[in-house]
Amino acid sequence: MATPKRRTSATRRDKRRSPNMKMKAPGLCICPKCHQPKLPHRVCPNCNYYDGQDVLKAKEA
């Protein structure tokens, strides 16, 4: 197995890792029914609303 002949400098190491630092939080949109923030193209976790209809039925106890 090959081993490095020289120590990798901090600058070279950080340049290699820099694309990971550009990641950002996903954008949020507002639910049209309950006006709470949710991820786009997903069912609202508060009111179970998506694309003009209730998708998940509430569990009956």
C-alpha atoms as a PDB file:
ATOM      1  CA  MET A   1       0.000   0.000   0.000  1.00  0.00           C
ATOM      2  CA  ALA A   2       1.352   3.420  -0.916  1.00  0.00           C
ATOM      3  CA  THR A   3       2.212   5.823   1.886  1.00  0.00           C
ATOM      4  CA  PRO A   4       2.658   9.585   1.615  1.00  0.00           C
ATOM      5  CA  LYS A   5       6.237  10.852   1.490  1.00  0.00           C
ATOM      6  CA  ARG A   6       5.373  14.309   2.798  1.00  0.00           C
ATOM      7  CA  ARG A   7       2.896  15.675   5.272  1.00  0.00           C
ATOM      8  CA  THR A   8      -0.192  17.275   3.693  1.00  0.00           C
ATOM      9  CA  SER A   9      -0.239  20.974   4.498  1.00  0.00           C
ATOM     10  CA  ALA A  10      -3.268  22.538   6.172  1.00  0.00           C
ATOM     11  CA  THR A  11      -3.895  24.709   3.110  1.00  0.00           C
ATOM     12  CA  ARG A  12      -3.978  21.738   0.738  1.00  0.00           C
ATOM     13  CA  ARG A  13      -6.153  19.747   3.128  1.00  0.00           C
ATOM     14  CA  ASP A  14      -8.614  22.640   3.565  1.00  0.00           C
ATOM     15  CA  LYS A  15      -8.833  23.254  -0.192  1.00  0.00           C
ATOM     16  CA  ARG A  16      -9.836  19.630  -0.649  1.00  0.00           C
ATOM     17  CA  ARG A  17     -12.532  19.902   2.048  1.00  0.00           C
ATOM     18  CA  SER A  18     -13.910  23.273   0.946  1.00  0.00           C
ATOM     19  CA  PRO A  19     -16.822  22.014  -1.251  1.00  0.00           C
ATOM     20  CA  ASN A  20     -18.455  20.553   1.870  1.00  0.00           C
ATOM     21  CA  MET A  21     -18.477  23.969   3.524  1.00  0.00           C
ATOM     22  CA  LYS A  22     -20.681  25.381   0.747  1.00  0.00           C
ATOM     23  CA  MET A  23     -23.646  23.235   1.767  1.00  0.00           C
ATOM     24  CA  LYS A  24     -26.567  25.200   3.146  1.00  0.00           C
ATOM     25  CA  ALA A  25     -29.865  24.493   4.832  1.00  0.00           C
ATOM     26  CA  PRO A  26     -32.768  23.544   2.552  1.00  0.00           C
ATOM     27  CA  GLY A  27     -35.175  26.279   1.563  1.00  0.00           C
ATOM     28  CA  LEU A  28     -38.522  26.426   3.314  1.00  0.00           C
ATOM     29  CA  CYS A  29     -41.914  27.404   1.958  1.00  0.00           C
ATOM     30  CA  ILE A  30     -45.147  28.294   3.699  1.00  0.00           C
ATOM     31  CA  CYS A  31     -48.074  25.894   3.890  1.00  0.00           C
ATOM     32  CA  PRO A  32     -51.098  27.543   2.203  1.00  0.00           C
ATOM     33  CA  LYS A  33     -53.521  26.026   4.718  1.00  0.00           C
ATOM     34  CA  CYS A  34     -51.898  26.478   8.160  1.00  0.00           C
ATOM     35  CA  HIS A  35     -49.181  29.015   7.206  1.00  0.00           C
ATOM     36  CA  GLN A  36     -46.417  27.077   8.940  1.00  0.00           C
ATOM     37  CA  PRO A  37     -42.973  26.558   7.352  1.00  0.00           C
ATOM     38  CA  LYS A  38     -42.446  23.217   5.601  1.00  0.00           C
ATOM     39  CA  LEU A  39     -40.096  21.659   3.086  1.00  0.00           C
ATOM     40  CA  PRO A  40     -41.139  22.182  -0.529  1.00  0.00           C
ATOM     41  CA  HIS A  41     -42.902  19.291  -2.333  1.00  0.00           C
ATOM     42  CA  ARG A  42     -43.608  17.519   0.965  1.00  0.00           C
ATOM     43  CA  VAL A  43     -46.709  16.950   3.081  1.00  0.00           C
ATOM     44  CA  CYS A  44     -47.126  19.585   5.784  1.00  0.00           C
ATOM     45  CA  PRO A  45     -46.263  17.973   9.153  1.00  0.00           C
ATOM     46  CA  ASN A  46     -48.762  20.202  10.975  1.00  0.00           C
ATOM     47  CA  CYS A  47     -51.963  19.776   8.959  1.00  0.00           C
ATOM     48  CA  ASN A  48     -51.156  16.840   6.583  1.00  0.00           C
ATOM     49  CA  TYR A  49     -51.996  19.036   3.575  1.00  0.00           C
ATOM     50  CA  TYR A  50     -50.440  18.682   0.120  1.00  0.00           C
ATOM     51  CA  ASP A  51     -51.463  19.901  -3.334  1.00  0.00           C
ATOM     52  CA  GLY A  52     -54.939  21.065  -2.348  1.00  0.00           C
ATOM     53  CA  GLN A  53     -56.039  18.047  -0.341  1.00  0.00           C
ATOM     54  CA  ASP A  54     -55.619  16.318   3.026  1.00  0.00           C
ATOM     55  CA  VAL A  55     -53.268  13.445   2.325  1.00  0.00           C
ATOM     56  CA  LEU A  56     -52.856  11.643   5.629  1.00  0.00           C
ATOM     57  CA  LYS A  57     -55.892  10.878   7.709  1.00  0.00           C
ATOM     58  CA  ALA A  58     -55.633  11.570  11.431  1.00  0.00           C
ATOM     59  CA  LYS A  59     -55.356   8.470  13.610  1.00  0.00           C
ATOM     60  CA  GLU A  60     -58.582   7.795  15.441  1.00  0.00           C
ATOM     61  CA  ALA A  61     -58.107   6.710  19.043  1.00  0.00           C
END
